[in-house]
Amino acid sequence: MSGPTALDAPAQAATAQAFRDAFAQLPTGVTVVTTGRSDGGSLCGMTASAVCSLSLDPLMALICLNNDSRTLAGIRANGAFALSLLAQDQAPIAQWFADTGISQADRFARTRHHQADALPVLSDALAWLTCHVDQMHPGGDHTIVTATVRSIGAGVSPTGGRPLVWHQRAFTTLT
């Protein structure tokens, strides 16, 4: 009796498209990363899925943002950011904060938010964290940001505890 055998699937060249296709298979939570200018200037924010917990002692988070991002520029200037973890019914918010055709002011005008540690957090998110930047590292066309968590809060999402998930290039949720 022989066991199952692996199929010899042909390898695909390591291209940007093959890379995107492979990572499209990995479901991930959807967040909005926000910051304000240290000089009291405008708020900025963007949708991000390259976000994870990093450490419990001390409490740390990690985000990866495109080098050309206005939000990254704001984080560099402010030295801090907030993460809002989106609920299943917040796909429109994720789309607003991802759409480069929508101004930063309009993104926040369309979204209930409040200040925590002088940072904008989305009021209806499942949860939010405020973070102080510890280090920034180059990572190709992105910057890897590690940060210490300063405060954590629960949002007031009407959907309870179901997160918004990005999988196979579409928003979905857990069932």
N, C-alpha and C. Protein backbone atom coordinates (compact mmCIF):
# COMPACT_ATOMS: atom_id res chain seq x y z
N MET A 1 0.85 -1.16 0.00
CA MET A 1 0.00 0.00 0.00
C MET A 1 0.90 1.23 0.00
N SER A 2 0.68 2.10 -0.93
CA SER A 2 1.49 3.31 -0.99
C SER A 2 0.63 4.50 -0.58
N GLY A 3 1.30 5.47 0.02
CA GLY A 3 0.60 6.68 0.47
C GLY A 3 0.44 7.67 -0.66
N PRO A 4 -0.18 8.79 -0.36
CA PRO A 4 -0.37 9.82 -1.37
C PRO A 4 0.98 10.34 -1.85
N THR A 5 1.03 10.71 -3.10
CA THR A 5 2.26 11.27 -3.67
C THR A 5 2.01 12.71 -4.08
N ALA A 6 3.05 13.48 -4.00
CA ALA A 6 2.96 14.88 -4.41
C ALA A 6 2.98 14.96 -5.92
N LEU A 7 2.18 15.82 -6.45
CA LEU A 7 2.20 16.07 -7.88
C LEU A 7 3.36 17.00 -8.19
N ASP A 8 4.02 16.73 -9.26
CA ASP A 8 5.10 17.61 -9.67
C ASP A 8 4.53 18.73 -10.53
N ALA A 9 4.05 19.76 -9.85
CA ALA A 9 3.52 20.92 -10.56
C ALA A 9 4.70 21.75 -11.07
N PRO A 10 4.60 22.23 -12.28
CA PRO A 10 5.71 23.04 -12.79
C PRO A 10 5.85 24.33 -11.99
N ALA A 11 7.08 24.68 -11.69
CA ALA A 11 7.34 25.92 -10.96
C ALA A 11 7.09 27.10 -11.89
N GLN A 12 6.62 28.17 -11.31
CA GLN A 12 6.38 29.40 -12.06
C GLN A 12 7.52 30.36 -11.76
N ALA A 13 7.91 31.14 -12.74
CA ALA A 13 8.97 32.13 -12.52
C ALA A 13 8.54 33.09 -11.42
N ALA A 14 9.51 33.54 -10.63
CA ALA A 14 9.23 34.48 -9.55
C ALA A 14 9.09 35.88 -10.13
N THR A 15 7.86 36.21 -10.50
CA THR A 15 7.55 37.53 -11.04
C THR A 15 6.66 38.27 -10.05
N ALA A 16 6.51 39.56 -10.25
CA ALA A 16 5.62 40.35 -9.39
C ALA A 16 4.20 39.80 -9.44
N GLN A 17 3.73 39.41 -10.63
CA GLN A 17 2.36 38.88 -10.75
C GLN A 17 2.22 37.54 -10.04
N ALA A 18 3.20 36.65 -10.20
CA ALA A 18 3.15 35.36 -9.51
C ALA A 18 3.18 35.56 -7.99
N PHE A 19 3.94 36.54 -7.54
CA PHE A 19 4.03 36.87 -6.12
C PHE A 19 2.67 37.34 -5.61
N ARG A 20 2.04 38.26 -6.36
CA ARG A 20 0.69 38.74 -5.98
C ARG A 20 -0.30 37.59 -5.96
N ASP A 21 -0.25 36.74 -6.98
CA ASP A 21 -1.18 35.60 -7.06
C ASP A 21 -1.01 34.66 -5.88
N ALA A 22 0.23 34.40 -5.49
CA ALA A 22 0.47 33.51 -4.35
C ALA A 22 -0.07 34.11 -3.06
N PHE A 23 0.23 35.39 -2.81
CA PHE A 23 -0.22 36.01 -1.57
C PHE A 23 -1.72 36.31 -1.57
N ALA A 24 -2.37 36.29 -2.72
CA ALA A 24 -3.83 36.45 -2.76
C ALA A 24 -4.52 35.27 -2.09
N GLN A 25 -3.81 34.15 -1.95
CA GLN A 25 -4.38 32.96 -1.31
C GLN A 25 -4.36 33.06 0.22
N LEU A 26 -3.65 34.03 0.76
CA LEU A 26 -3.50 34.16 2.20
C LEU A 26 -4.50 35.18 2.75
N PRO A 27 -5.51 34.74 3.49
CA PRO A 27 -6.46 35.71 4.05
C PRO A 27 -5.79 36.56 5.13
N THR A 28 -6.16 37.82 5.18
CA THR A 28 -5.58 38.73 6.16
C THR A 28 -6.63 39.73 6.62
N GLY A 29 -6.48 40.20 7.84
CA GLY A 29 -7.38 41.22 8.36
C GLY A 29 -7.14 42.54 7.64
N VAL A 30 -8.14 43.41 7.71
CA VAL A 30 -8.06 44.71 7.05
C VAL A 30 -8.06 45.79 8.13
N THR A 31 -7.11 46.71 8.02
CA THR A 31 -6.99 47.81 8.97
C THR A 31 -6.93 49.14 8.23
N VAL A 32 -7.17 50.20 8.96
CA VAL A 32 -6.88 51.54 8.47
C VAL A 32 -5.80 52.10 9.39
N VAL A 33 -4.70 52.54 8.78
CA VAL A 33 -3.59 53.16 9.50
C VAL A 33 -3.78 54.67 9.38
N THR A 34 -3.76 55.38 10.51
CA THR A 34 -3.98 56.82 10.49
C THR A 34 -2.90 57.53 11.30
N THR A 35 -2.74 58.80 11.00
CA THR A 35 -1.84 59.65 11.77
C THR A 35 -2.25 61.09 11.57
N GLY A 36 -1.69 61.95 12.35
CA GLY A 36 -1.87 63.39 12.20
C GLY A 36 -0.49 64.01 12.12
N ARG A 37 -0.45 65.23 11.70
CA ARG A 37 0.84 65.93 11.65
C ARG A 37 1.18 66.45 13.03
N SER A 38 2.43 66.37 13.40
CA SER A 38 2.84 66.84 14.72
C SER A 38 2.63 68.35 14.86
N ASP A 39 2.56 69.07 13.74
CA ASP A 39 2.34 70.51 13.78
C ASP A 39 0.85 70.86 13.81
N GLY A 40 -0.01 69.85 13.99
CA GLY A 40 -1.45 70.11 14.03
C GLY A 40 -2.08 70.16 12.65
N GLY A 41 -1.32 69.81 11.63
CA GLY A 41 -1.82 69.84 10.25
C GLY A 41 -2.83 68.75 9.98
N SER A 42 -3.03 68.45 8.72
CA SER A 42 -4.10 67.55 8.30
C SER A 42 -3.87 66.11 8.74
N LEU A 43 -5.00 65.39 8.85
CA LEU A 43 -4.98 63.97 9.15
C LEU A 43 -4.69 63.20 7.87
N CYS A 44 -4.10 62.04 8.00
CA CYS A 44 -3.95 61.17 6.84
C CYS A 44 -4.12 59.72 7.27
N GLY A 45 -4.56 58.91 6.31
CA GLY A 45 -4.79 57.51 6.60
C GLY A 45 -4.89 56.69 5.33
N MET A 46 -4.72 55.39 5.48
CA MET A 46 -4.78 54.48 4.35
C MET A 46 -5.19 53.09 4.82
N THR A 47 -5.74 52.31 3.90
CA THR A 47 -6.06 50.92 4.17
C THR A 47 -4.77 50.11 4.10
N ALA A 48 -4.62 49.17 5.03
CA ALA A 48 -3.42 48.33 5.03
C ALA A 48 -3.77 46.93 5.51
N SER A 49 -3.14 45.95 4.88
CA SER A 49 -3.29 44.57 5.34
C SER A 49 -1.95 43.97 5.77
N ALA A 50 -0.85 44.67 5.51
CA ALA A 50 0.47 44.21 5.94
C ALA A 50 0.72 44.73 7.35
N VAL A 51 -0.01 44.15 8.30
CA VAL A 51 -0.02 44.59 9.69
C VAL A 51 0.01 43.34 10.56
N CYS A 52 0.77 43.36 11.64
CA CYS A 52 0.73 42.21 12.55
C CYS A 52 1.18 42.61 13.95
N SER A 53 0.82 41.77 14.92
CA SER A 53 1.36 41.93 16.26
C SER A 53 2.82 41.48 16.19
N LEU A 54 3.66 42.11 16.98
CA LEU A 54 5.09 41.80 16.93
C LEU A 54 5.61 41.24 18.25
N SER A 55 5.18 41.81 19.37
CA SER A 55 5.72 41.41 20.67
C SER A 55 4.70 41.66 21.77
N LEU A 56 4.73 40.79 22.78
CA LEU A 56 3.90 41.00 23.97
C LEU A 56 4.67 41.70 25.09
N ASP A 57 6.01 41.64 25.05
CA ASP A 57 6.80 42.27 26.10
C ASP A 57 8.05 42.89 25.50
N PRO A 58 8.00 44.16 25.14
CA PRO A 58 6.88 45.09 25.31
C PRO A 58 5.83 44.87 24.23
N LEU A 59 4.65 45.47 24.42
CA LEU A 59 3.61 45.39 23.40
C LEU A 59 4.07 46.15 22.17
N MET A 60 4.14 45.44 21.03
CA MET A 60 4.61 46.07 19.79
C MET A 60 3.79 45.58 18.61
N ALA A 61 3.69 46.45 17.61
CA ALA A 61 3.03 46.13 16.35
C ALA A 61 3.99 46.43 15.21
N LEU A 62 3.70 45.85 14.04
CA LEU A 62 4.52 46.04 12.85
C LEU A 62 3.59 46.35 11.69
N ILE A 63 3.93 47.36 10.90
CA ILE A 63 3.19 47.68 9.68
C ILE A 63 4.18 47.86 8.54
N CYS A 64 3.73 47.60 7.33
CA CYS A 64 4.55 47.81 6.14
C CYS A 64 3.77 48.73 5.21
N LEU A 65 4.37 49.87 4.85
CA LEU A 65 3.70 50.86 4.02
C LEU A 65 4.55 51.20 2.80
N ASN A 66 3.89 51.47 1.68
CA ASN A 66 4.56 51.86 0.45
C ASN A 66 5.39 53.12 0.70
N ASN A 67 6.59 53.14 0.15
CA ASN A 67 7.49 54.27 0.34
C ASN A 67 6.92 55.59 -0.14
N ASP A 68 6.00 55.56 -1.11
CA ASP A 68 5.41 56.78 -1.66
C ASP A 68 4.14 57.21 -0.93
N SER A 69 3.77 56.52 0.11
CA SER A 69 2.52 56.78 0.82
C SER A 69 2.55 58.11 1.58
N ARG A 70 1.46 58.89 1.43
CA ARG A 70 1.32 60.11 2.22
C ARG A 70 1.20 59.78 3.71
N THR A 71 0.58 58.65 3.99
CA THR A 71 0.45 58.24 5.39
C THR A 71 1.81 57.95 5.99
N LEU A 72 2.68 57.28 5.25
CA LEU A 72 4.03 57.03 5.75
C LEU A 72 4.75 58.35 6.00
N ALA A 73 4.60 59.32 5.09
CA ALA A 73 5.22 60.63 5.30
C ALA A 73 4.69 61.27 6.59
N GLY A 74 3.39 61.14 6.83
CA GLY A 74 2.80 61.66 8.07
C GLY A 74 3.34 60.96 9.30
N ILE A 75 3.51 59.65 9.21
CA ILE A 75 4.05 58.88 10.34
C ILE A 75 5.49 59.29 10.61
N ARG A 76 6.26 59.51 9.55
CA ARG A 76 7.65 59.97 9.73
C ARG A 76 7.67 61.32 10.46
N ALA A 77 6.75 62.22 10.07
CA ALA A 77 6.70 63.56 10.67
C ALA A 77 6.18 63.52 12.11
N ASN A 78 5.22 62.65 12.38
CA ASN A 78 4.54 62.61 13.67
C ASN A 78 5.18 61.65 14.66
N GLY A 79 5.82 60.59 14.15
CA GLY A 79 6.41 59.59 15.03
C GLY A 79 5.41 58.68 15.71
N ALA A 80 4.17 58.70 15.21
CA ALA A 80 3.12 57.88 15.83
C ALA A 80 2.04 57.58 14.80
N PHE A 81 1.26 56.52 15.07
CA PHE A 81 0.14 56.18 14.20
C PHE A 81 -0.88 55.40 15.01
N ALA A 82 -2.07 55.26 14.44
CA ALA A 82 -3.12 54.44 15.04
C ALA A 82 -3.52 53.37 14.04
N LEU A 83 -3.92 52.22 14.56
CA LEU A 83 -4.47 51.13 13.75
C LEU A 83 -5.92 50.94 14.14
N SER A 84 -6.81 50.93 13.16
CA SER A 84 -8.22 50.61 13.40
C SER A 84 -8.51 49.30 12.68
N LEU A 85 -8.92 48.28 13.43
CA LEU A 85 -9.20 46.95 12.88
C LEU A 85 -10.65 46.93 12.43
N LEU A 86 -10.88 46.75 11.13
CA LEU A 86 -12.20 46.92 10.55
C LEU A 86 -13.12 45.72 10.76
N ALA A 87 -14.40 46.03 10.89
CA ALA A 87 -15.46 45.03 11.03
C ALA A 87 -15.99 44.64 9.66
N GLN A 88 -16.72 43.53 9.61
CA GLN A 88 -17.19 42.96 8.35
C GLN A 88 -18.02 43.92 7.50
N ASP A 89 -18.70 44.86 8.11
CA ASP A 89 -19.54 45.79 7.35
C ASP A 89 -18.79 47.06 6.94
N GLN A 90 -17.49 47.09 7.12
CA GLN A 90 -16.73 48.30 6.85
C GLN A 90 -15.91 48.25 5.56
N ALA A 91 -16.31 47.41 4.62
CA ALA A 91 -15.64 47.38 3.32
C ALA A 91 -15.68 48.75 2.64
N PRO A 92 -16.80 49.51 2.70
CA PRO A 92 -16.77 50.84 2.08
C PRO A 92 -15.70 51.74 2.68
N ILE A 93 -15.49 51.66 3.98
CA ILE A 93 -14.44 52.46 4.62
C ILE A 93 -13.07 52.02 4.11
N ALA A 94 -12.85 50.72 4.02
CA ALA A 94 -11.58 50.21 3.49
C ALA A 94 -11.36 50.72 2.07
N GLN A 95 -12.42 50.75 1.27
CA GLN A 95 -12.30 51.23 -0.11
C GLN A 95 -12.01 52.73 -0.14
N TRP A 96 -12.66 53.52 0.71
CA TRP A 96 -12.40 54.97 0.74
C TRP A 96 -10.95 55.25 1.08
N PHE A 97 -10.43 54.56 2.09
CA PHE A 97 -9.07 54.82 2.52
C PHE A 97 -8.03 54.22 1.58
N ALA A 98 -8.46 53.37 0.66
CA ALA A 98 -7.55 52.80 -0.34
C ALA A 98 -7.57 53.58 -1.65
N ASP A 99 -8.60 54.36 -1.88
CA ASP A 99 -8.80 55.06 -3.15
C ASP A 99 -7.96 56.33 -3.19
N THR A 100 -6.94 56.34 -4.04
CA THR A 100 -6.06 57.51 -4.13
C THR A 100 -6.77 58.71 -4.76
N GLY A 101 -7.95 58.50 -5.34
CA GLY A 101 -8.72 59.60 -5.90
C GLY A 101 -9.56 60.34 -4.87
N ILE A 102 -9.63 59.83 -3.65
CA ILE A 102 -10.38 60.48 -2.57
C ILE A 102 -9.38 61.21 -1.68
N SER A 103 -9.62 62.49 -1.46
CA SER A 103 -8.68 63.27 -0.65
C SER A 103 -8.66 62.78 0.79
N GLN A 104 -7.58 63.07 1.47
CA GLN A 104 -7.48 62.70 2.88
C GLN A 104 -8.61 63.34 3.68
N ALA A 105 -8.92 64.60 3.41
CA ALA A 105 -9.99 65.28 4.14
C ALA A 105 -11.33 64.58 3.93
N ASP A 106 -11.62 64.16 2.69
CA ASP A 106 -12.88 63.46 2.41
C ASP A 106 -12.93 62.09 3.07
N ARG A 107 -11.80 61.40 3.14
CA ARG A 107 -11.77 60.10 3.81
C ARG A 107 -12.26 60.23 5.25
N PHE A 108 -11.75 61.23 5.95
CA PHE A 108 -12.14 61.42 7.35
C PHE A 108 -13.53 62.03 7.48
N ALA A 109 -13.94 62.85 6.51
CA ALA A 109 -15.29 63.43 6.56
C ALA A 109 -16.37 62.36 6.43
N ARG A 110 -16.07 61.27 5.73
CA ARG A 110 -17.04 60.19 5.50
C ARG A 110 -17.05 59.16 6.63
N THR A 111 -16.18 59.30 7.61
CA THR A 111 -15.97 58.24 8.60
C THR A 111 -16.06 58.80 10.02
N ARG A 112 -16.84 58.13 10.86
CA ARG A 112 -16.88 58.52 12.28
C ARG A 112 -15.53 58.20 12.90
N HIS A 113 -14.92 59.21 13.51
CA HIS A 113 -13.63 59.00 14.16
C HIS A 113 -13.51 59.93 15.36
N HIS A 114 -12.58 59.61 16.22
CA HIS A 114 -12.30 60.44 17.38
C HIS A 114 -10.79 60.39 17.65
N GLN A 115 -10.36 61.20 18.58
CA GLN A 115 -8.94 61.27 18.91
C GLN A 115 -8.62 60.38 20.11
N ALA A 116 -7.52 59.68 20.03
CA ALA A 116 -6.96 58.92 21.15
C ALA A 116 -5.45 59.14 21.09
N ASP A 117 -4.87 59.61 22.15
CA ASP A 117 -3.43 59.94 22.17
C ASP A 117 -3.07 60.89 21.03
N ALA A 118 -3.98 61.83 20.75
CA ALA A 118 -3.79 62.84 19.69
C ALA A 118 -3.72 62.23 18.30
N LEU A 119 -4.28 61.03 18.13
CA LEU A 119 -4.32 60.35 16.83
C LEU A 119 -5.76 60.03 16.46
N PRO A 120 -6.09 60.07 15.17
CA PRO A 120 -7.46 59.71 14.76
C PRO A 120 -7.65 58.19 14.75
N VAL A 121 -8.71 57.73 15.42
CA VAL A 121 -9.09 56.32 15.38
C VAL A 121 -10.53 56.23 14.89
N LEU A 122 -10.85 55.17 14.16
CA LEU A 122 -12.19 55.00 13.62
C LEU A 122 -13.11 54.48 14.72
N SER A 123 -14.16 55.24 14.99
CA SER A 123 -15.04 54.95 16.12
C SER A 123 -15.77 53.63 16.00
N ASP A 124 -16.08 53.19 14.79
CA ASP A 124 -16.86 51.97 14.59
C ASP A 124 -16.02 50.74 14.32
N ALA A 125 -14.71 50.84 14.47
CA ALA A 125 -13.83 49.69 14.25
C ALA A 125 -14.05 48.64 15.34
N LEU A 126 -13.65 47.41 15.05
CA LEU A 126 -13.72 46.37 16.08
C LEU A 126 -12.83 46.72 17.27
N ALA A 127 -11.66 47.23 16.98
CA ALA A 127 -10.70 47.63 18.00
C ALA A 127 -9.74 48.62 17.38
N TRP A 128 -9.03 49.35 18.22
CA TRP A 128 -8.00 50.27 17.73
C TRP A 128 -6.82 50.27 18.68
N LEU A 129 -5.66 50.64 18.13
CA LEU A 129 -4.43 50.75 18.91
C LEU A 129 -3.74 52.05 18.52
N THR A 130 -3.15 52.72 19.49
CA THR A 130 -2.27 53.84 19.16
C THR A 130 -0.84 53.38 19.41
N CYS A 131 0.07 53.83 18.55
CA CYS A 131 1.43 53.31 18.56
C CYS A 131 2.45 54.43 18.39
N HIS A 132 3.58 54.29 19.07
CA HIS A 132 4.71 55.20 18.93
C HIS A 132 5.80 54.47 18.15
N VAL A 133 6.29 55.10 17.10
CA VAL A 133 7.29 54.48 16.22
C VAL A 133 8.59 54.25 16.99
N ASP A 134 9.09 53.02 16.88
CA ASP A 134 10.41 52.69 17.44
C ASP A 134 11.47 52.73 16.35
N GLN A 135 11.22 52.00 15.25
CA GLN A 135 12.21 51.94 14.17
C GLN A 135 11.51 51.84 12.82
N MET A 136 12.22 52.29 11.80
CA MET A 136 11.79 52.12 10.41
C MET A 136 12.93 51.45 9.65
N HIS A 137 12.57 50.45 8.86
CA HIS A 137 13.56 49.68 8.11
C HIS A 137 13.18 49.67 6.63
N PRO A 138 14.15 49.83 5.72
CA PRO A 138 13.82 49.71 4.30
C PRO A 138 13.45 48.27 3.97
N GLY A 139 12.46 48.11 3.11
CA GLY A 139 12.04 46.79 2.66
C GLY A 139 11.61 46.86 1.21
N GLY A 140 12.56 47.05 0.30
CA GLY A 140 12.22 47.17 -1.12
C GLY A 140 11.42 48.44 -1.36
N ASP A 141 10.23 48.29 -1.98
CA ASP A 141 9.40 49.47 -2.26
C ASP A 141 8.51 49.85 -1.08
N HIS A 142 8.71 49.20 0.07
CA HIS A 142 7.97 49.49 1.29
C HIS A 142 8.93 49.84 2.43
N THR A 143 8.35 50.39 3.49
CA THR A 143 9.08 50.63 4.73
C THR A 143 8.41 49.81 5.82
N ILE A 144 9.23 49.10 6.59
CA ILE A 144 8.75 48.29 7.71
C ILE A 144 8.84 49.16 8.95
N VAL A 145 7.71 49.35 9.61
CA VAL A 145 7.64 50.22 10.78
C VAL A 145 7.34 49.36 12.01
N THR A 146 8.23 49.41 13.01
CA THR A 146 7.94 48.74 14.28
C THR A 146 7.60 49.82 15.29
N ALA A 147 6.63 49.51 16.16
CA ALA A 147 6.14 50.53 17.07
C ALA A 147 5.68 49.92 18.39
N THR A 148 5.81 50.70 19.45
CA THR A 148 5.32 50.32 20.77
C THR A 148 3.86 50.76 20.88
N VAL A 149 3.02 49.87 21.38
CA VAL A 149 1.60 50.17 21.55
C VAL A 149 1.42 51.00 22.81
N ARG A 150 0.74 52.16 22.67
CA ARG A 150 0.51 53.05 23.81
C ARG A 150 -0.85 52.83 24.44
N SER A 151 -1.89 52.62 23.61
CA SER A 151 -3.22 52.39 24.17
C SER A 151 -4.01 51.51 23.22
N ILE A 152 -5.02 50.84 23.78
CA ILE A 152 -5.88 49.93 23.02
C ILE A 152 -7.31 50.23 23.41
N GLY A 153 -8.20 50.26 22.42
CA GLY A 153 -9.60 50.49 22.70
C GLY A 153 -10.49 49.64 21.84
N ALA A 154 -11.70 49.44 22.31
CA ALA A 154 -12.70 48.71 21.53
C ALA A 154 -13.59 49.72 20.84
N GLY A 155 -13.94 49.42 19.61
CA GLY A 155 -14.85 50.27 18.88
C GLY A 155 -16.29 49.95 19.24
N VAL A 156 -17.19 50.51 18.48
CA VAL A 156 -18.62 50.29 18.72
C VAL A 156 -19.28 49.68 17.50
N SER A 157 -18.61 48.75 16.86
CA SER A 157 -19.13 48.13 15.65
C SER A 157 -20.48 47.46 15.92
N PRO A 158 -21.50 47.78 15.09
CA PRO A 158 -22.81 47.17 15.28
C PRO A 158 -22.85 45.70 14.89
N THR A 159 -21.81 45.19 14.23
CA THR A 159 -21.83 43.80 13.78
C THR A 159 -21.24 42.84 14.80
N GLY A 160 -20.89 43.33 15.93
CA GLY A 160 -20.28 42.44 16.92
C GLY A 160 -18.82 42.23 16.63
N GLY A 161 -18.38 40.99 16.63
CA GLY A 161 -16.96 40.72 16.53
C GLY A 161 -16.46 40.11 15.25
N ARG A 162 -17.16 40.27 14.15
CA ARG A 162 -16.69 39.68 12.90
C ARG A 162 -15.79 40.66 12.15
N PRO A 163 -14.56 40.23 11.81
CA PRO A 163 -13.63 41.12 11.13
C PRO A 163 -13.85 41.16 9.62
N LEU A 164 -13.40 42.24 9.02
CA LEU A 164 -13.31 42.33 7.57
C LEU A 164 -12.02 41.63 7.17
N VAL A 165 -12.09 40.79 6.15
CA VAL A 165 -10.95 40.00 5.69
C VAL A 165 -10.72 40.27 4.21
N TRP A 166 -9.45 40.31 3.80
CA TRP A 166 -9.07 40.44 2.40
C TRP A 166 -8.54 39.08 1.96
N HIS A 167 -9.19 38.48 0.95
CA HIS A 167 -8.78 37.16 0.47
C HIS A 167 -9.13 37.04 -1.00
N GLN A 168 -8.19 36.56 -1.79
CA GLN A 168 -8.35 36.40 -3.24
C GLN A 168 -8.83 37.70 -3.90
N ARG A 169 -8.21 38.81 -3.47
CA ARG A 169 -8.44 40.14 -4.03
C ARG A 169 -9.88 40.64 -3.83
N ALA A 170 -10.51 40.20 -2.75
CA ALA A 170 -11.88 40.64 -2.45
C ALA A 170 -12.08 40.70 -0.94
N PHE A 171 -13.00 41.56 -0.52
CA PHE A 171 -13.37 41.62 0.89
C PHE A 171 -14.32 40.48 1.19
N THR A 172 -14.14 39.88 2.35
CA THR A 172 -15.00 38.80 2.81
C THR A 172 -15.00 38.86 4.33
N THR A 173 -15.60 37.88 4.97
CA THR A 173 -15.58 37.80 6.43
C THR A 173 -15.50 36.35 6.85
N LEU A 174 -15.34 36.13 8.11
CA LEU A 174 -15.34 34.77 8.64
C LEU A 174 -16.77 34.28 8.77
N THR A 175 -16.99 33.01 8.51
CA THR A 175 -18.34 32.46 8.65
C THR A 175 -18.38 31.41 9.73
